[in-house]
C-alpha atoms as a PDB file:
ATOM      1  CA  MET A   1     -33.696  -8.876  12.578  1.00  0.00           C
ATOM      2  CA  ILE A   2     -29.927  -7.999  12.827  1.00  0.00           C
ATOM      3  CA  GLU A   3     -29.055 -10.472  10.034  1.00  0.00           C
ATOM      4  CA  ALA A   4     -30.980  -8.213   7.577  1.00  0.00           C
ATOM      5  CA  CYS A   5     -28.728  -5.409   8.243  1.00  0.00           C
ATOM      6  CA  ILE A   6     -25.456  -7.187   7.725  1.00  0.00           C
ATOM      7  CA  PRO A   7     -25.529  -7.504   3.850  1.00  0.00           C
ATOM      8  CA  LYS A   8     -25.855  -3.686   3.403  1.00  0.00           C
ATOM      9  CA  TYR A   9     -23.071  -3.100   5.795  1.00  0.00           C
ATOM     10  CA  GLU A  10     -20.760  -5.528   4.051  1.00  0.00           C
ATOM     11  CA  THR A  11     -21.574  -4.158   0.666  1.00  0.00           C
ATOM     12  CA  ALA A  12     -20.854  -0.528   1.864  1.00  0.00           C
ATOM     13  CA  ILE A  13     -17.446  -1.699   3.051  1.00  0.00           C
ATOM     14  CA  LEU A  14     -16.580  -3.622  -0.208  1.00  0.00           C
ATOM     15  CA  ARG A  15     -17.299  -0.459  -2.364  1.00  0.00           C
ATOM     16  CA  ARG A  16     -14.845   1.716  -0.443  1.00  0.00           C
ATOM     17  CA  LYS A  17     -11.629   2.021  -2.475  1.00  0.00           C
ATOM     18  CA  LYS A  18      -8.322   2.464  -0.636  1.00  0.00           C
ATOM     19  CA  ALA A  19      -6.180   5.309  -1.309  1.00  0.00           C
ATOM     20  CA  ASN A  20      -2.731   5.033  -3.098  1.00  0.00           C
ATOM     21  CA  GLN A  21      -3.867   1.860  -4.889  1.00  0.00           C
ATOM     22  CA  ARG A  22      -0.839   1.863  -7.242  1.00  0.00           C
ATOM     23  CA  VAL A  23       1.591   1.820  -4.206  1.00  0.00           C
ATOM     24  CA  ARG A  24      -0.231  -1.056  -2.586  1.00  0.00           C
ATOM     25  CA  GLU A  25      -0.090  -2.973  -5.899  1.00  0.00           C
ATOM     26  CA  ALA A  26       3.548  -2.343  -6.293  1.00  0.00           C
ATOM     27  CA  LEU A  27       4.114  -3.724  -2.884  1.00  0.00           C
ATOM     28  CA  LYS A  28       2.122  -6.875  -3.575  1.00  0.00           C
ATOM     29  CA  GLU A  29       4.057  -7.537  -7.050  1.00  0.00           C
ATOM     30  CA  ALA A  30       7.315  -7.042  -5.092  1.00  0.00           C
ATOM     31  CA  ASP A  31       6.228  -9.283  -2.309  1.00  0.00           C
ATOM     32  CA  LEU A  32       7.166  -6.508   0.263  1.00  0.00           C
ATOM     33  CA  PHE A  33       5.385  -5.626   3.510  1.00  0.00           C
ATOM     34  CA  GLN A  34       4.546  -2.110   4.514  1.00  0.00           C
ATOM     35  CA  TRP A  35       7.118  -2.209   7.199  1.00  0.00           C
ATOM     36  CA  GLU A  36       9.800  -3.068   4.806  1.00  0.00           C
ATOM     37  CA  LEU A  37       8.842  -0.118   2.708  1.00  0.00           C
ATOM     38  CA  ALA A  38       9.034   2.126   5.676  1.00  0.00           C
ATOM     39  CA  ILE A  39      12.570   0.954   6.429  1.00  0.00           C
ATOM     40  CA  LEU A  40      13.490   1.770   2.779  1.00  0.00           C
ATOM     41  CA  MET A  41      11.992   5.153   3.056  1.00  0.00           C
ATOM     42  CA  GLY A  42      13.595   5.867   6.331  1.00  0.00           C
ATOM     43  CA  VAL A  43      10.240   6.432   8.209  1.00  0.00           C
ATOM     44  CA  SER A  44       8.365   4.567  10.840  1.00  0.00           C
ATOM     45  CA  GLU A  45       5.688   2.098   9.983  1.00  0.00           C
ATOM     46  CA  ALA A  46       3.022   4.293  11.547  1.00  0.00           C
ATOM     47  CA  THR A  47       4.096   7.227   9.464  1.00  0.00           C
ATOM     48  CA  LEU A  48       3.913   5.276   6.182  1.00  0.00           C
ATOM     49  CA  GLN A  49       0.478   3.824   7.179  1.00  0.00           C
ATOM     50  CA  LYS A  50      -0.928   7.403   7.879  1.00  0.00           C
ATOM     51  CA  ARG A  51       0.450   8.570   4.627  1.00  0.00           C
ATOM     52  CA  LEU A  52      -1.121   5.733   2.682  1.00  0.00           C
ATOM     53  CA  ARG A  53      -4.700   6.580   4.127  1.00  0.00           C
ATOM     54  CA  VAL A  54      -4.953   9.731   1.873  1.00  0.00           C
ATOM     55  CA  GLU A  55      -4.198   9.818  -1.705  1.00  0.00           C
ATOM     56  CA  MET A  56      -0.704  11.265  -2.349  1.00  0.00           C
ATOM     57  CA  PRO A  57       0.232  13.304  -5.472  1.00  0.00           C
ATOM     58  CA  LYS A  58       1.096  11.156  -8.515  1.00  0.00           C
ATOM     59  CA  ALA A  59       4.743  12.319  -8.405  1.00  0.00           C
ATOM     60  CA  GLU A  60       5.236  11.116  -4.781  1.00  0.00           C
ATOM     61  CA  GLN A  61       3.537   7.822  -5.700  1.00  0.00           C
ATOM     62  CA  ASP A  62       5.928   7.473  -8.632  1.00  0.00           C
ATOM     63  CA  LYS A  63       9.076   7.925  -6.231  1.00  0.00           C
ATOM     64  CA  ILE A  64       7.775   5.284  -3.938  1.00  0.00           C
ATOM     65  CA  ILE A  65       6.998   2.893  -6.728  1.00  0.00           C
ATOM     66  CA  ASP A  66      10.551   3.414  -8.083  1.00  0.00           C
ATOM     67  CA  LEU A  67      11.989   2.753  -4.662  1.00  0.00           C
ATOM     68  CA  ILE A  68      10.021  -0.537  -4.532  1.00  0.00           C
ATOM     69  CA  ARG A  69      11.097  -1.616  -7.921  1.00  0.00           C
ATOM     70  CA  ASN A  70      14.734  -0.802  -7.343  1.00  0.00           C
ATOM     71  CA  HIS A  71      14.825  -2.764  -4.087  1.00  0.00           C
ATOM     72  CA  THR A  72      13.388  -5.836  -5.862  1.00  0.00           C
ATOM     73  CA  LYS A  73      15.889  -5.555  -8.740  1.00  0.00           C
ATOM     74  CA  LYS A  74      18.874  -5.485  -6.134  1.00  0.00           C
ATOM     75  CA  GLU A  75      17.271  -8.641  -4.347  1.00  0.00           C
ATOM     76  CA  GLU A  76      17.170 -10.574  -7.655  1.00  0.00           C
ATOM     77  CA  LEU A  77      20.799  -9.730  -8.420  1.00  0.00           C
ATOM     78  CA  MET A  78      21.890 -11.225  -4.941  1.00  0.00           C
ATOM     79  CA  LYS A  79      20.266 -14.553  -5.783  1.00  0.00           C
END
């Protein structure tokens, strides 16, 4: 009987979209972890995770994405 409830629960979880998806995708593309971004931003990892939970204004997301991209360009120059 419990097994009958599991598919409904799983689909509800899969439908939920995470906030700040653009920032999360930029992190994946740059192959950075959230803790590395937190260091670049000068905040703790916990602070960054809390900020990522709720959708940030587009301007703030753009600043973070620029920071991620600039970081990866510097890393490529060092190779």
